[in-house]
């Protein structure tokens, strides 16, 4: 199986930072938003429209990040 190196680079350029951001936001939700509570809901939503992505992470409040696909 062969991959286009440019496409693979773009995929890595998006997924690694995105994973780090999601990890930090979810960790902060556990640490601060749900401190002292036994239940809670964390939502993670990633949408693509017109070459642009929107990431929404919520724990009762929402954090929204918009970014474009690297060229």
PDB file of N, CA and C in Angstrom:
ATOM      1  N   UNK A   1       0.840  -1.170   0.000  1.00  0.00           N
ATOM      2  CA  UNK A   1       0.000   0.000   0.000  1.00  0.00           C
ATOM      3  C   UNK A   1       0.890   1.240   0.000  1.00  0.00           C
ATOM      4  N   UNK A   2       0.681   2.125  -0.928  1.00  0.00           N
ATOM      5  CA  UNK A   2       1.474   3.350  -0.971  1.00  0.00           C
ATOM      6  C   UNK A   2       0.611   4.543  -0.591  1.00  0.00           C
ATOM      7  N   UNK A   3       1.239   5.512   0.014  1.00  0.00           N
ATOM      8  CA  UNK A   3       0.559   6.740   0.430  1.00  0.00           C
ATOM      9  C   UNK A   3       1.255   7.934  -0.220  1.00  0.00           C
ATOM     10  N   UNK A   4       0.497   8.947  -0.492  1.00  0.00           N
ATOM     11  CA  UNK A   4       1.057  10.192  -0.970  1.00  0.00           C
ATOM     12  C   UNK A   4       1.730  10.880   0.222  1.00  0.00           C
ATOM     13  N   UNK A   5       3.058  11.098   0.189  1.00  0.00           N
ATOM     14  CA  UNK A   5       3.751  11.696   1.335  1.00  0.00           C
ATOM     15  C   UNK A   5       3.186  13.069   1.735  1.00  0.00           C
ATOM     16  N   UNK A   6       2.777  13.856   0.768  1.00  0.00           N
ATOM     17  CA  UNK A   6       2.224  15.180   1.075  1.00  0.00           C
ATOM     18  C   UNK A   6       0.912  15.040   1.859  1.00  0.00           C
ATOM     19  N   UNK A   7       0.075  14.104   1.437  1.00  0.00           N
ATOM     20  CA  UNK A   7      -1.196  13.876   2.143  1.00  0.00           C
ATOM     21  C   UNK A   7      -0.936  13.343   3.558  1.00  0.00           C
ATOM     22  N   UNK A   8       0.014  12.440   3.690  1.00  0.00           N
ATOM     23  CA  UNK A   8       0.362  11.901   5.003  1.00  0.00           C
ATOM     24  C   UNK A   8       0.878  13.008   5.920  1.00  0.00           C
ATOM     25  N   UNK A   9       1.710  13.899   5.399  1.00  0.00           N
ATOM     26  CA  UNK A   9       2.211  15.026   6.186  1.00  0.00           C
ATOM     27  C   UNK A   9       1.055  15.914   6.643  1.00  0.00           C
ATOM     28  N   UNK A  10       0.115  16.208   5.744  1.00  0.00           N
ATOM     29  CA  UNK A  10      -1.043  17.043   6.116  1.00  0.00           C
ATOM     30  C   UNK A  10      -1.858  16.382   7.198  1.00  0.00           C
ATOM     31  N   UNK A  11      -2.040  15.069   7.081  1.00  0.00           N
ATOM     32  CA  UNK A  11      -2.795  14.330   8.084  1.00  0.00           C
ATOM     33  C   UNK A  11      -2.111  14.416   9.448  1.00  0.00           C
ATOM     34  N   UNK A  12      -0.813  14.219   9.493  1.00  0.00           N
ATOM     35  CA  UNK A  12      -0.054  14.310  10.743  1.00  0.00           C
ATOM     36  C   UNK A  12      -0.075  15.739  11.276  1.00  0.00           C
ATOM     37  N   UNK A  13       0.042  16.711  10.371  1.00  0.00           N
ATOM     38  CA  UNK A  13       0.051  18.124  10.783  1.00  0.00           C
ATOM     39  C   UNK A  13      -1.265  18.528  11.444  1.00  0.00           C
ATOM     40  N   UNK A  14      -2.342  17.822  11.149  1.00  0.00           N
ATOM     41  CA  UNK A  14      -3.640  18.112  11.764  1.00  0.00           C
ATOM     42  C   UNK A  14      -3.863  17.264  13.008  1.00  0.00           C
ATOM     43  N   UNK A  15      -3.643  15.965  12.906  1.00  0.00           N
ATOM     44  CA  UNK A  15      -4.075  15.061  13.974  1.00  0.00           C
ATOM     45  C   UNK A  15      -3.261  15.173  15.258  1.00  0.00           C
ATOM     46  N   UNK A  16      -1.964  15.374  15.177  1.00  0.00           N
ATOM     47  CA  UNK A  16      -1.166  15.455  16.401  1.00  0.00           C
ATOM     48  C   UNK A  16      -1.537  16.689  17.220  1.00  0.00           C
ATOM     49  N   UNK A  17      -1.525  17.902  16.646  1.00  0.00           N
ATOM     50  CA  UNK A  17      -1.935  19.062  17.460  1.00  0.00           C
ATOM     51  C   UNK A  17      -3.387  18.963  17.936  1.00  0.00           C
ATOM     52  N   UNK A  18      -4.259  18.431  17.089  1.00  0.00           N
ATOM     53  CA  UNK A  18      -5.658  18.288  17.463  1.00  0.00           C
ATOM     54  C   UNK A  18      -5.813  17.333  18.645  1.00  0.00           C
ATOM     55  N   UNK A  19      -5.096  16.222  18.609  1.00  0.00           N
ATOM     56  CA  UNK A  19      -5.126  15.277  19.722  1.00  0.00           C
ATOM     57  C   UNK A  19      -4.621  15.891  21.015  1.00  0.00           C
ATOM     58  N   UNK A  20      -3.556  16.685  20.935  1.00  0.00           N
ATOM     59  CA  UNK A  20      -3.015  17.357  22.123  1.00  0.00           C
ATOM     60  C   UNK A  20      -4.016  18.363  22.697  1.00  0.00           C
ATOM     61  N   UNK A  21      -4.679  19.109  21.819  1.00  0.00           N
ATOM     62  CA  UNK A  21      -5.672  20.087  22.264  1.00  0.00           C
ATOM     63  C   UNK A  21      -6.855  19.383  22.936  1.00  0.00           C
ATOM     64  N   UNK A  22      -7.371  18.338  22.302  1.00  0.00           N
ATOM     65  CA  UNK A  22      -8.502  17.602  22.872  1.00  0.00           C
ATOM     66  C   UNK A  22      -8.116  16.998  24.217  1.00  0.00           C
ATOM     67  N   UNK A  23      -6.919  16.401  24.298  1.00  0.00           N
ATOM     68  CA  UNK A  23      -6.451  15.822  25.554  1.00  0.00           C
ATOM     69  C   UNK A  23      -6.413  16.869  26.660  1.00  0.00           C
ATOM     70  N   UNK A  24      -5.883  18.035  26.379  1.00  0.00           N
ATOM     71  CA  UNK A  24      -5.786  19.098  27.387  1.00  0.00           C
ATOM     72  C   UNK A  24      -7.165  19.571  27.830  1.00  0.00           C
ATOM     73  N   UNK A  25      -8.075  19.775  26.879  1.00  0.00           N
ATOM     74  CA  UNK A  25      -9.413  20.252  27.227  1.00  0.00           C
ATOM     75  C   UNK A  25     -10.197  19.221  28.041  1.00  0.00           C
ATOM     76  N   UNK A  26     -10.098  17.949  27.677  1.00  0.00           N
ATOM     77  CA  UNK A  26     -10.797  16.895  28.426  1.00  0.00           C
ATOM     78  C   UNK A  26     -10.186  16.746  29.818  1.00  0.00           C
ATOM     79  N   UNK A  27      -8.852  16.792  29.902  1.00  0.00           N
ATOM     80  CA  UNK A  27      -8.190  16.722  31.214  1.00  0.00           C
ATOM     81  C   UNK A  27      -8.630  17.871  32.112  1.00  0.00           C
ATOM     82  N   UNK A  28      -8.702  19.078  31.548  1.00  0.00           N
ATOM     83  CA  UNK A  28      -9.145  20.234  32.335  1.00  0.00           C
ATOM     84  C   UNK A  28     -10.593  20.090  32.770  1.00  0.00           C
ATOM     85  N   UNK A  29     -11.426  19.482  31.930  1.00  0.00           N
ATOM     86  CA  UNK A  29     -12.818  19.247  32.325  1.00  0.00           C
ATOM     87  C   UNK A  29     -12.889  18.347  33.544  1.00  0.00           C
ATOM     88  N   UNK A  30     -12.136  17.254  33.516  1.00  0.00           N
ATOM     89  CA  UNK A  30     -12.126  16.357  34.674  1.00  0.00           C
ATOM     90  C   UNK A  30     -11.595  17.061  35.917  1.00  0.00           C
ATOM     91  N   UNK A  31     -10.565  17.858  35.732  1.00  0.00           N
ATOM     92  CA  UNK A  31      -9.906  18.503  36.869  1.00  0.00           C
ATOM     93  C   UNK A  31     -10.728  19.643  37.461  1.00  0.00           C
ATOM     94  N   UNK A  32     -11.365  20.468  36.619  1.00  0.00           N
ATOM     95  CA  UNK A  32     -12.026  21.679  37.104  1.00  0.00           C
ATOM     96  C   UNK A  32     -13.550  21.646  36.999  1.00  0.00           C
ATOM     97  N   UNK A  33     -14.084  21.268  35.861  1.00  0.00           N
ATOM     98  CA  UNK A  33     -15.541  21.342  35.669  1.00  0.00           C
ATOM     99  C   UNK A  33     -16.277  20.304  36.497  1.00  0.00           C
ATOM    100  N   UNK A  34     -15.655  19.148  36.722  1.00  0.00           N
ATOM    101  CA  UNK A  34     -16.331  18.076  37.434  1.00  0.00           C
ATOM    102  C   UNK A  34     -15.732  17.816  38.811  1.00  0.00           C
ATOM    103  N   UNK A  35     -14.944  18.738  39.309  1.00  0.00           N
ATOM    104  CA  UNK A  35     -14.331  18.562  40.635  1.00  0.00           C
ATOM    105  C   UNK A  35     -15.436  18.406  41.682  1.00  0.00           C
ATOM    106  N   UNK A  36     -15.356  17.326  42.445  1.00  0.00           N
ATOM    107  CA  UNK A  36     -16.327  17.085  43.502  1.00  0.00           C
ATOM    108  C   UNK A  36     -17.641  16.498  43.022  1.00  0.00           C
ATOM    109  N   UNK A  37     -17.747  16.188  41.740  1.00  0.00           N
ATOM    110  CA  UNK A  37     -18.980  15.593  41.196  1.00  0.00           C
ATOM    111  C   UNK A  37     -18.685  14.181  40.721  1.00  0.00           C
ATOM    112  N   UNK A  38     -19.683  13.336  40.774  1.00  0.00           N
ATOM    113  CA  UNK A  38     -19.510  11.950  40.329  1.00  0.00           C
ATOM    114  C   UNK A  38     -19.945  11.743  38.885  1.00  0.00           C
ATOM    115  N   UNK A  39     -20.715  12.681  38.340  1.00  0.00           N
ATOM    116  CA  UNK A  39     -21.177  12.536  36.963  1.00  0.00           C
ATOM    117  C   UNK A  39     -20.957  13.828  36.193  1.00  0.00           C
ATOM    118  N   UNK A  40     -20.985  13.719  34.892  1.00  0.00           N
ATOM    119  CA  UNK A  40     -20.858  14.870  34.012  1.00  0.00           C
ATOM    120  C   UNK A  40     -20.759  14.380  32.579  1.00  0.00           C
ATOM    121  N   UNK A  41     -20.884  15.283  31.665  1.00  0.00           N
ATOM    122  CA  UNK A  41     -20.824  14.934  30.250  1.00  0.00           C
ATOM    123  C   UNK A  41     -19.815  15.830  29.553  1.00  0.00           C
ATOM    124  N   UNK A  42     -18.956  15.206  28.781  1.00  0.00           N
ATOM    125  CA  UNK A  42     -18.006  15.930  27.944  1.00  0.00           C
ATOM    126  C   UNK A  42     -18.359  15.595  26.503  1.00  0.00           C
ATOM    127  N   UNK A  43     -18.507  16.618  25.670  1.00  0.00           N
ATOM    128  CA  UNK A  43     -18.792  16.396  24.256  1.00  0.00           C
ATOM    129  C   UNK A  43     -17.623  16.886  23.416  1.00  0.00           C
ATOM    130  N   UNK A  44     -17.316  16.135  22.377  1.00  0.00           N
ATOM    131  CA  UNK A  44     -16.275  16.514  21.418  1.00  0.00           C
ATOM    132  C   UNK A  44     -16.900  16.369  20.041  1.00  0.00           C
ATOM    133  N   UNK A  45     -16.890  17.463  19.270  1.00  0.00           N
ATOM    134  CA  UNK A  45     -17.512  17.468  17.953  1.00  0.00           C
ATOM    135  C   UNK A  45     -16.557  18.128  16.963  1.00  0.00           C
ATOM    136  N   UNK A  46     -16.255  17.466  15.871  1.00  0.00           N
ATOM    137  CA  UNK A  46     -15.393  18.004  14.822  1.00  0.00           C
ATOM    138  C   UNK A  46     -16.176  17.995  13.522  1.00  0.00           C
ATOM    139  N   UNK A  47     -16.303  19.181  12.911  1.00  0.00           N
ATOM    140  CA  UNK A  47     -17.042  19.298  11.650  1.00  0.00           C
ATOM    141  C   UNK A  47     -16.152  19.932  10.591  1.00  0.00           C
ATOM    142  N   UNK A  48     -16.350  19.505   9.350  1.00  0.00           N
ATOM    143  CA  UNK A  48     -15.622  20.082   8.224  1.00  0.00           C
ATOM    144  C   UNK A  48     -16.616  20.706   7.269  1.00  0.00           C
ATOM    145  N   UNK A  49     -16.321  21.936   6.863  1.00  0.00           N
ATOM    146  CA  UNK A  49     -17.150  22.627   5.878  1.00  0.00           C
ATOM    147  C   UNK A  49     -16.270  23.558   5.056  1.00  0.00           C
ATOM    148  N   UNK A  50     -16.300  23.397   3.762  1.00  0.00           N
ATOM    149  CA  UNK A  50     -15.561  24.277   2.840  1.00  0.00           C
ATOM    150  C   UNK A  50     -14.072  24.343   3.136  1.00  0.00           C
ATOM    151  N   UNK A  51     -13.438  23.210   3.447  1.00  0.00           N
ATOM    152  CA  UNK A  51     -12.000  23.175   3.709  1.00  0.00           C
ATOM    153  C   UNK A  51     -11.593  23.701   5.069  1.00  0.00           C
ATOM    154  N   UNK A  52     -12.557  24.052   5.900  1.00  0.00           N
ATOM    155  CA  UNK A  52     -12.299  24.569   7.238  1.00  0.00           C
ATOM    156  C   UNK A  52     -12.913  23.610   8.256  1.00  0.00           C
ATOM    157  N   UNK A  53     -12.271  23.477   9.393  1.00  0.00           N
ATOM    158  CA  UNK A  53     -12.753  22.594  10.442  1.00  0.00           C
ATOM    159  C   UNK A  53     -13.171  23.417  11.659  1.00  0.00           C
ATOM    160  N   UNK A  54     -14.152  22.908  12.378  1.00  0.00           N
ATOM    161  CA  UNK A  54     -14.552  23.503  13.646  1.00  0.00           C
ATOM    162  C   UNK A  54     -14.556  22.392  14.683  1.00  0.00           C
ATOM    163  N   UNK A  55     -13.809  22.605  15.761  1.00  0.00           N
ATOM    164  CA  UNK A  55     -13.756  21.680  16.884  1.00  0.00           C
ATOM    165  C   UNK A  55     -14.494  22.321  18.041  1.00  0.00           C
ATOM    166  N   UNK A  56     -15.469  21.611  18.606  1.00  0.00           N
ATOM    167  CA  UNK A  56     -16.214  22.102  19.763  1.00  0.00           C
ATOM    168  C   UNK A  56     -16.065  21.064  20.865  1.00  0.00           C
ATOM    169  N   UNK A  57     -15.515  21.483  21.998  1.00  0.00           N
ATOM    170  CA  UNK A  57     -15.391  20.621  23.167  1.00  0.00           C
ATOM    171  C   UNK A  57     -16.193  21.279  24.264  1.00  0.00           C
ATOM    172  N   UNK A  58     -17.102  20.521  24.879  1.00  0.00           N
ATOM    173  CA  UNK A  58     -17.960  21.113  25.895  1.00  0.00           C
ATOM    174  C   UNK A  58     -18.061  20.252  27.141  1.00  0.00           C
ATOM    175  N   UNK A  59     -18.206  20.923  28.278  1.00  0.00           N
ATOM    176  CA  UNK A  59     -18.408  20.250  29.563  1.00  0.00           C
ATOM    177  C   UNK A  59     -19.464  21.005  30.375  1.00  0.00           C
ATOM    178  N   UNK A  60     -20.366  21.648  29.670  1.00  0.00           N
ATOM    179  CA  UNK A  60     -21.320  22.553  30.299  1.00  0.00           C
ATOM    180  C   UNK A  60     -21.040  23.976  29.824  1.00  0.00           C
ATOM    181  N   UNK A  61     -19.776  24.203  29.479  1.00  0.00           N
ATOM    182  CA  UNK A  61     -19.357  25.403  28.760  1.00  0.00           C
ATOM    183  C   UNK A  61     -18.742  24.881  27.469  1.00  0.00           C
ATOM    184  N   UNK A  62     -18.582  25.707  26.486  1.00  0.00           N
ATOM    185  CA  UNK A  62     -18.017  25.241  25.217  1.00  0.00           C
ATOM    186  C   UNK A  62     -16.735  25.969  24.896  1.00  0.00           C
ATOM    187  N   UNK A  63     -15.809  25.263  24.277  1.00  0.00           N
ATOM    188  CA  UNK A  63     -14.570  25.822  23.764  1.00  0.00           C
ATOM    189  C   UNK A  63     -14.555  25.508  22.282  1.00  0.00           C
ATOM    190  N   UNK A  64     -14.472  26.535  21.457  1.00  0.00           N
ATOM    191  CA  UNK A  64     -14.569  26.366  20.002  1.00  0.00           C
ATOM    192  C   UNK A  64     -13.249  26.782  19.350  1.00  0.00           C
ATOM    193  N   UNK A  65     -12.755  25.933  18.473  1.00  0.00           N
ATOM    194  CA  UNK A  65     -11.539  26.217  17.706  1.00  0.00           C
ATOM    195  C   UNK A  65     -11.881  26.047  16.237  1.00  0.00           C
ATOM    196  N   UNK A  66     -11.519  27.021  15.415  1.00  0.00           N
ATOM    197  CA  UNK A  66     -11.692  26.902  13.967  1.00  0.00           C
ATOM    198  C   UNK A  66     -10.317  26.931  13.316  1.00  0.00           C
ATOM    199  N   UNK A  67     -10.099  26.045  12.346  1.00  0.00           N
ATOM    200  CA  UNK A  67      -8.814  26.005  11.656  1.00  0.00           C
ATOM    201  C   UNK A  67      -9.014  25.493  10.238  1.00  0.00           C
ATOM    202  N   UNK A  68      -8.044  25.804   9.389  1.00  0.00           N
ATOM    203  CA  UNK A  68      -8.094  25.367   8.006  1.00  0.00           C
ATOM    204  C   UNK A  68      -7.105  24.236   7.791  1.00  0.00           C
ATOM    205  N   UNK A  69      -7.401  23.410   6.818  1.00  0.00           N
ATOM    206  CA  UNK A  69      -6.522  22.307   6.470  1.00  0.00           C
ATOM    207  C   UNK A  69      -5.221  22.850   5.909  1.00  0.00           C
ATOM    208  N   UNK A  70      -4.062  22.334   6.366  1.00  0.00           N
ATOM    209  CA  UNK A  70      -2.796  22.789   5.808  1.00  0.00           C
ATOM    210  C   UNK A  70      -2.703  22.480   4.321  1.00  0.00           C
ATOM    211  N   UNK A  71      -2.027  23.323   3.581  1.00  0.00           N
ATOM    212  CA  UNK A  71      -1.878  23.125   2.131  1.00  0.00           C
ATOM    213  C   UNK A  71      -0.551  22.491   1.815  1.00  0.00           C
TER     214      UNK A  71
END
